Protein backbone atom coordinates (compact mmCIF):
# COMPACT_ATOMS: atom_id res chain seq x y z
CA MET A 1 -60.14 53.56 -6.66
CA TYR A 2 -56.63 54.96 -6.66
CA ASP A 3 -55.58 56.12 -10.10
CA ILE A 4 -52.12 57.18 -11.11
CA PRO A 5 -51.90 60.61 -9.49
CA GLU A 6 -52.35 63.45 -11.99
CA THR A 7 -49.51 65.43 -10.47
CA GLN A 8 -47.13 62.50 -9.98
CA GLU A 9 -43.69 63.25 -11.38
CA PHE A 10 -41.81 60.24 -12.76
CA SER A 11 -38.56 61.90 -13.82
CA GLY A 12 -36.88 60.38 -10.75
CA LEU A 13 -37.22 56.94 -12.36
CA LEU A 14 -35.08 57.89 -15.34
CA GLY A 15 -31.79 56.04 -15.30
CA LYS A 16 -32.94 53.45 -12.75
CA GLU A 17 -31.49 50.05 -13.64
CA LEU A 18 -33.44 46.85 -13.16
CA GLN A 19 -31.48 44.54 -10.85
CA GLN A 20 -33.95 41.75 -9.98
CA VAL A 21 -37.25 40.22 -11.12
CA CYS A 22 -39.16 38.09 -8.58
CA ILE A 23 -42.08 36.03 -9.85
CA GLY A 24 -44.62 34.88 -7.25
CA ASN A 25 -48.05 33.28 -7.31
CA ASN A 26 -49.91 36.58 -7.22
CA GLU A 27 -47.37 39.25 -8.13
CA VAL A 28 -44.21 40.11 -9.99
CA ILE A 29 -41.72 42.35 -8.19
CA PHE A 30 -39.17 44.43 -10.08
CA ASN A 31 -36.30 45.70 -7.93
CA PHE A 32 -34.26 48.55 -9.33
CA ASP A 33 -31.18 50.26 -7.99
CA SER A 34 -31.44 53.39 -5.85
CA ASP A 35 -34.53 52.77 -3.70
CA PHE A 36 -37.10 52.02 -6.39
CA SER A 37 -39.25 48.90 -6.63
CA LEU A 38 -42.38 48.00 -8.52
CA CYS A 39 -44.89 45.35 -7.45
CA VAL A 40 -47.35 44.25 -10.13
CA MET A 41 -50.45 42.40 -8.91
CA GLY A 42 -52.54 42.85 -12.04
CA PRO A 43 -52.16 42.71 -15.78
CA PHE A 44 -49.10 43.99 -17.59
CA GLU A 45 -47.43 43.62 -20.96
CA HIS A 46 -43.76 43.19 -21.77
CA ILE A 47 -43.14 44.59 -25.25
CA LYS A 48 -39.90 43.33 -26.70
CA SER A 49 -38.02 44.85 -29.62
CA GLY A 50 -40.23 44.88 -32.65
CA SER A 51 -43.82 43.87 -32.06
CA GLU A 52 -43.48 40.81 -29.84
CA VAL A 53 -45.74 41.22 -26.79
CA PHE A 54 -45.84 39.00 -23.70
CA ASP A 55 -48.56 39.57 -21.16
CA TYR A 56 -48.96 38.42 -17.60
CA THR A 57 -50.85 35.27 -18.62
CA ASP A 58 -47.73 34.09 -20.46
CA LEU A 59 -45.99 33.61 -17.10
CA LEU A 60 -48.07 30.47 -16.58
CA THR A 61 -47.60 28.93 -20.01
CA LYS A 62 -44.25 30.09 -21.45
CA PRO A 63 -40.73 30.77 -20.24
CA SER A 64 -40.60 34.30 -18.89
CA SER A 65 -39.44 37.07 -21.21
CA LEU A 66 -38.75 39.38 -18.26
CA PRO A 67 -35.05 38.53 -17.66
CA SER A 68 -34.17 40.40 -20.85
CA LEU A 69 -34.99 43.61 -18.94
CA LEU A 70 -32.26 42.93 -16.35
CA ASN A 71 -29.40 45.45 -16.29
CA SER A 72 -31.34 47.81 -18.52
CA SER A 73 -32.24 51.32 -17.39
CA ILE A 74 -35.46 53.29 -17.72
CA PHE A 75 -35.07 56.15 -20.18
CA GLU A 76 -38.69 57.27 -20.48
CA VAL A 77 -41.92 57.01 -18.48
CA LYS A 78 -45.28 57.72 -20.09
CA LYS A 79 -48.62 57.94 -18.38
CA GLU A 80 -51.41 57.02 -20.77
CA ASN A 81 -54.58 58.45 -19.19
CA ASN A 82 -55.26 56.58 -15.96
CA ASP A 83 -55.23 53.28 -17.81
CA TYR A 84 -51.53 52.61 -18.38
CA LEU A 85 -48.09 53.47 -17.15
CA LEU A 86 -45.41 52.70 -19.73
CA LEU A 87 -41.78 52.20 -18.72
CA CYS A 88 -39.38 52.39 -21.67
CA PHE A 89 -35.98 50.74 -21.25
CA GLN A 90 -32.65 51.43 -22.92
CA ASN A 91 -32.66 47.99 -24.57
CA ASN A 92 -35.70 49.09 -26.66
CA GLU A 93 -38.12 47.04 -24.59
CA LYS A 94 -41.16 48.35 -22.69
CA LEU A 95 -43.21 47.38 -19.68
CA ARG A 96 -46.85 48.51 -19.80
CA LEU A 97 -48.63 48.46 -16.44
CA ILE A 98 -52.38 48.21 -16.86
CA ASN A 99 -54.92 49.78 -14.49
CA ASP A 100 -57.97 47.67 -15.33
CA THR A 101 -59.99 47.23 -12.16
CA ASP A 102 -61.78 49.25 -9.51
CA GLN A 103 -61.67 46.47 -6.93
CA TYR A 104 -58.12 45.17 -6.60
CA GLU A 105 -54.62 46.54 -6.59
CA CYS A 106 -53.04 46.56 -10.04
CA PHE A 107 -49.56 47.75 -9.12
CA SER A 108 -47.62 49.77 -6.61
CA LEU A 109 -44.48 51.83 -6.93
CA ASN A 110 -42.14 52.41 -4.02
CA ILE A 111 -40.03 55.45 -4.86
CA ASP A 112 -37.64 56.37 -2.05
CA GLY A 113 -40.15 55.10 0.54
CA ASN A 114 -43.11 56.94 -1.05
CA ILE A 115 -45.65 54.27 -2.03
CA ILE A 116 -48.02 54.88 -4.93
CA LEU A 117 -50.82 52.30 -5.01
CA VAL A 118 -52.89 51.99 -8.18
CA VAL A 119 -56.25 50.20 -7.93
């Protein structure tokens, strides 16, 4: 199992603007400016302004809420134990990445060529 590294510094993600969201059969890829991308292969939640929450299962049954994150920048990153990584965007929306399995990849971050894989 690869948890979110205890010593991982996420301040380099601050100010990164989301440029593209790619939805595939088994993953969602978020491409940001300046050599940062995020590939989500497991559960996540998109928390819109207020209390409206869309999770990964909504991708199969509802129109995606994810385009509202486009052109918005990350202003805060919070690690919640080894269970969640929360990306807070300037448009008051959040993306919660969930580390819920010991067997499969949940998400990976590619920060300037340094890949962090969370299983």
